[in-house]
């Protein structure tokens, strides 16, 4: 499958009615865009970007100094769309329904921070209704070596075997043409939120994250944890 993954940040404040309207639009993509084979979307379970509101801008670590501190927050909403091939993705990008939904997302979100990646994976659509998905998108540092990239991919790929609560992990490479696309995605599944939290606390995950921090623009990492097929 060819998956288009996009993570969105809200402008604040965003009302519950606006969030509901966005969710309806994302859900409709599976009906309004014929080339879409499956849709998964959801809101962050760990607060999204709301922690930014709790810290005054002048007290936050500046992004250009945040290499070790990492991202200032999670993203707010994730969208995952599956296609049989590139032609299907191209048809979606040209579809008026997609444009209408995208215009609404832009009206309540910070479009300049939207994180996107198009990536291939084997097998049926990677969505298990009711389970938890943790998605992280990475940008390689300009000075990173091929060896470092391989080490990061291997470390994340091994977590399915190393962390008991992980049910599935796939590391994907971006094939999209946009200069704003991210480079790599790590897509990890758990049965419940407790499993996800155990993953975050596990030494193997922390070691993989440390390797990634040294090889990527860590402060720009885009991440979200949401319930699959829940809206």
Protein backbone atom coordinates (compact mmCIF):
# COMPACT_ATOMS: atom_id res chain seq x y z
CA UNK A 1 0.00 0.00 0.00
CA UNK A 2 1.00 3.61 -0.56
CA UNK A 3 0.11 5.68 2.49
CA UNK A 4 -0.17 9.44 2.77
CA UNK A 5 0.30 10.52 6.39
CA UNK A 6 -0.31 14.11 7.49
CA UNK A 7 -0.14 15.55 11.01
CA UNK A 8 -1.85 18.84 11.82
CA UNK A 9 -1.33 21.54 14.45
CA UNK A 10 -4.25 23.70 15.53
CA UNK A 11 -4.48 27.40 15.86
CA UNK A 12 -5.75 28.14 19.36
CA UNK A 13 -8.42 28.33 20.50
CA UNK A 14 -10.26 25.72 18.40
CA UNK A 15 -13.84 24.95 19.43
CA UNK A 16 -15.37 21.50 19.82
CA UNK A 17 -17.72 22.25 16.92
CA UNK A 18 -14.73 23.05 14.68
CA UNK A 19 -13.02 19.83 15.71
CA UNK A 20 -16.20 17.88 14.93
CA UNK A 21 -16.51 19.54 11.51
CA UNK A 22 -12.90 18.61 10.77
CA UNK A 23 -13.48 15.00 11.83
CA UNK A 24 -16.54 14.74 9.57
CA UNK A 25 -14.50 16.05 6.64
CA UNK A 26 -11.66 13.60 7.23
CA UNK A 27 -14.10 10.70 7.51
CA UNK A 28 -15.82 11.72 4.28
CA UNK A 29 -12.58 11.36 2.31
CA UNK A 30 -13.18 7.61 2.17
CA UNK A 31 -16.52 8.20 0.41
CA UNK A 32 -15.87 11.35 -1.58
CA UNK A 33 -12.49 10.38 -3.08
CA UNK A 34 -12.85 7.10 -5.04
CA UNK A 35 -9.13 6.27 -5.13
CA UNK A 36 -8.84 6.22 -1.30
CA UNK A 37 -8.76 2.60 -0.14
CA UNK A 38 -8.86 3.26 3.60
CA UNK A 39 -8.85 6.16 6.06
CA UNK A 40 -7.61 6.41 9.62
CA UNK A 41 -7.56 9.62 11.64
CA UNK A 42 -7.68 10.73 15.24
CA UNK A 43 -6.83 13.32 17.88
CA UNK A 44 -3.79 13.14 20.11
CA UNK A 45 -4.45 11.36 23.42
CA UNK A 46 -1.60 13.09 25.26
CA UNK A 47 -2.67 16.71 25.01
CA UNK A 48 -1.59 17.60 21.49
CA UNK A 49 -0.25 21.13 21.25
CA UNK A 50 -2.15 22.32 24.33
CA UNK A 51 1.00 22.26 26.52
CA UNK A 52 2.25 25.19 24.43
CA UNK A 53 -0.59 27.27 25.86
CA UNK A 54 0.57 26.52 29.39
CA UNK A 55 4.06 27.93 28.80
CA UNK A 56 4.48 31.55 27.79
CA UNK A 57 6.33 31.93 24.46
CA UNK A 58 9.25 33.76 26.08
CA UNK A 59 9.71 30.87 28.54
CA UNK A 60 9.85 28.12 25.90
CA UNK A 61 13.12 26.69 24.67
CA UNK A 62 13.69 28.28 21.23
CA UNK A 63 13.56 25.74 18.41
CA UNK A 64 17.07 26.64 17.33
CA UNK A 65 18.33 25.70 20.82
CA UNK A 66 16.08 22.70 21.37
CA UNK A 67 18.20 19.97 19.80
CA UNK A 68 18.31 17.94 23.01
CA UNK A 69 15.02 19.16 24.51
CA UNK A 70 13.12 17.84 21.51
CA UNK A 71 9.75 18.90 20.10
CA UNK A 72 7.75 21.41 22.16
CA UNK A 73 4.56 19.32 21.94
CA UNK A 74 2.71 16.57 20.15
CA UNK A 75 0.65 17.35 17.08
CA UNK A 76 -3.14 17.61 17.40
CA UNK A 77 -4.65 15.46 14.61
CA UNK A 78 -3.38 12.67 12.37
CA UNK A 79 -4.67 11.58 8.96
CA UNK A 80 -3.61 8.36 7.22
CA UNK A 81 -4.88 7.57 3.71
CA UNK A 82 -4.10 4.37 1.80
CA UNK A 83 -3.88 3.95 -1.99
CA UNK A 84 -3.17 1.03 -4.28
CA UNK A 85 -0.60 2.99 -6.26
CA UNK A 86 0.78 6.42 -7.11
CA UNK A 87 -1.96 6.99 -9.66
CA UNK A 88 -4.50 6.69 -6.85
CA UNK A 89 -2.63 9.25 -4.74
CA UNK A 90 -2.37 11.60 -7.72
CA UNK A 91 -6.13 11.29 -8.30
CA UNK A 92 -6.76 12.15 -4.65
CA UNK A 93 -4.51 15.21 -4.87
CA UNK A 94 -6.58 16.43 -7.85
CA UNK A 95 -9.95 15.66 -6.24
CA UNK A 96 -12.25 18.60 -5.38
CA UNK A 97 -13.42 16.85 -2.20
CA UNK A 98 -9.82 16.71 -1.00
CA UNK A 99 -9.40 20.41 -1.78
CA UNK A 100 -12.54 21.34 0.16
CA UNK A 101 -11.51 19.32 3.20
CA UNK A 102 -8.00 20.74 2.96
CA UNK A 103 -9.32 24.30 2.89
CA UNK A 104 -11.23 23.70 6.12
CA UNK A 105 -8.19 22.14 7.79
CA UNK A 106 -6.17 25.20 6.77
CA UNK A 107 -8.76 27.49 8.37
CA UNK A 108 -8.24 25.99 11.83
CA UNK A 109 -4.66 24.75 11.57
CA UNK A 110 -1.12 26.06 11.26
CA UNK A 111 -0.49 24.94 7.71
CA UNK A 112 3.17 25.95 7.75
CA UNK A 113 3.78 23.26 10.38
CA UNK A 114 1.79 20.44 8.75
CA UNK A 115 4.00 17.35 8.65
CA UNK A 116 3.61 15.02 5.65
CA UNK A 117 5.14 11.85 4.31
CA UNK A 118 4.14 9.45 1.52
CA UNK A 119 5.44 5.92 2.13
CA UNK A 120 5.07 2.33 0.98
CA UNK A 121 4.43 -0.68 3.18
CA UNK A 122 3.54 -4.31 2.55
CA UNK A 123 0.29 -6.00 3.41
CA UNK A 124 -3.29 -4.85 4.05
CA UNK A 125 -4.13 -1.38 5.45
CA UNK A 126 -2.26 -0.76 8.70
CA UNK A 127 -5.28 0.10 10.84
CA UNK A 128 -6.71 -1.95 13.70
CA UNK A 129 -9.92 -0.38 15.02
CA UNK A 130 -9.68 0.54 18.70
CA UNK A 131 -5.94 0.03 19.02
CA UNK A 132 -3.48 2.85 19.66
CA UNK A 133 -1.17 4.25 16.99
CA UNK A 134 1.98 6.25 17.74
CA UNK A 135 3.31 8.03 14.68
CA UNK A 136 6.60 9.95 14.53
CA UNK A 137 7.98 11.78 11.49
CA UNK A 138 11.67 12.72 11.26
CA UNK A 139 13.88 15.07 9.23
CA UNK A 140 17.46 13.95 8.70
CA UNK A 141 20.17 16.38 9.78
CA UNK A 142 22.27 17.75 6.92
CA UNK A 143 25.42 16.20 8.41
CA UNK A 144 23.97 12.73 9.00
CA UNK A 145 25.80 9.77 7.46
CA UNK A 146 24.26 6.77 5.73
CA UNK A 147 25.56 4.63 8.58
CA UNK A 148 23.70 6.74 11.14
CA UNK A 149 20.52 6.47 9.10
CA UNK A 150 20.85 2.67 9.00
CA UNK A 151 21.44 2.55 12.76
CA UNK A 152 18.31 4.62 13.44
CA UNK A 153 16.16 2.51 11.12
CA UNK A 154 17.47 -0.72 12.65
CA UNK A 155 16.93 0.50 16.22
CA UNK A 156 13.31 1.44 15.58
CA UNK A 157 12.66 -1.68 13.53
CA UNK A 158 13.88 -3.88 16.40
CA UNK A 159 11.38 -2.44 18.90
CA UNK A 160 8.61 -4.79 17.79
CA UNK A 161 10.68 -7.64 19.21
CA UNK A 162 12.31 -5.73 22.07
CA UNK A 163 9.28 -4.02 23.67
CA UNK A 164 6.54 -6.43 24.88
CA UNK A 165 3.65 -4.00 24.43
CA UNK A 166 4.42 -3.30 20.75
CA UNK A 167 2.11 -5.16 18.39
CA UNK A 168 3.57 -3.82 15.12
CA UNK A 169 6.25 -1.40 13.99
CA UNK A 170 7.08 -0.24 10.45
CA UNK A 171 9.80 2.22 9.46
CA UNK A 172 8.97 3.97 6.19
CA UNK A 173 10.87 6.26 3.82
CA UNK A 174 9.29 9.26 2.16
CA UNK A 175 8.66 8.98 -1.59
CA UNK A 176 6.71 12.23 -1.88
CA UNK A 177 7.99 15.04 -4.12
CA UNK A 178 7.31 18.07 -1.90
CA UNK A 179 10.23 19.97 -0.42
CA UNK A 180 8.19 20.26 2.79
CA UNK A 181 7.87 16.47 3.19
CA UNK A 182 9.52 14.73 6.12
CA UNK A 183 12.12 12.02 5.45
CA UNK A 184 11.16 9.05 7.62
CA UNK A 185 8.17 7.72 9.54
CA UNK A 186 7.97 5.24 12.42
CA UNK A 187 4.46 3.78 12.75
CA UNK A 188 3.88 1.74 15.93
CA UNK A 189 0.75 -0.05 17.19
CA UNK A 190 -0.39 -1.01 20.70
CA UNK A 191 -3.52 -2.63 22.09
CA UNK A 192 -4.14 0.21 24.54
CA UNK A 193 -2.73 3.46 25.89
CA UNK A 194 -1.04 1.65 28.77
CA UNK A 195 0.96 -0.27 26.17
CA UNK A 196 1.99 2.96 24.49
CA UNK A 197 3.12 4.46 27.80
CA UNK A 198 5.12 1.31 28.56
CA UNK A 199 6.80 1.76 25.17
CA UNK A 200 7.75 5.36 25.92
CA UNK A 201 9.27 4.25 29.24
CA UNK A 202 11.17 1.26 27.81
CA UNK A 203 14.95 1.48 27.65
CA UNK A 204 15.10 0.15 24.08
CA UNK A 205 12.73 2.86 22.84
CA UNK A 206 14.68 5.56 24.67
CA UNK A 207 17.93 4.32 23.14
CA UNK A 208 16.39 4.39 19.65
CA UNK A 209 15.06 7.88 20.30
CA UNK A 210 18.52 9.01 21.38
CA UNK A 211 20.03 7.69 18.15
CA UNK A 212 17.34 9.55 16.21
CA UNK A 213 17.95 12.76 18.15
CA UNK A 214 21.62 12.69 17.15
CA UNK A 215 20.87 12.05 13.47
CA UNK A 216 17.82 14.24 12.87
CA UNK A 217 16.52 17.76 13.34
CA UNK A 218 15.14 16.55 16.64
CA UNK A 219 13.33 19.75 17.54
CA UNK A 220 11.19 19.42 14.40
CA UNK A 221 10.12 15.83 15.01
CA UNK A 222 6.34 15.52 14.45
CA UNK A 223 4.59 12.98 16.65
CA UNK A 224 1.12 11.97 17.76
CA UNK A 225 -0.59 9.14 19.66
CA UNK A 226 -4.23 8.40 18.80
CA UNK A 227 -6.87 5.68 18.84
CA UNK A 228 -7.17 4.09 15.43
CA UNK A 229 -10.34 4.41 13.35
CA UNK A 230 -11.94 6.47 16.09
CA UNK A 231 -12.08 10.00 14.71
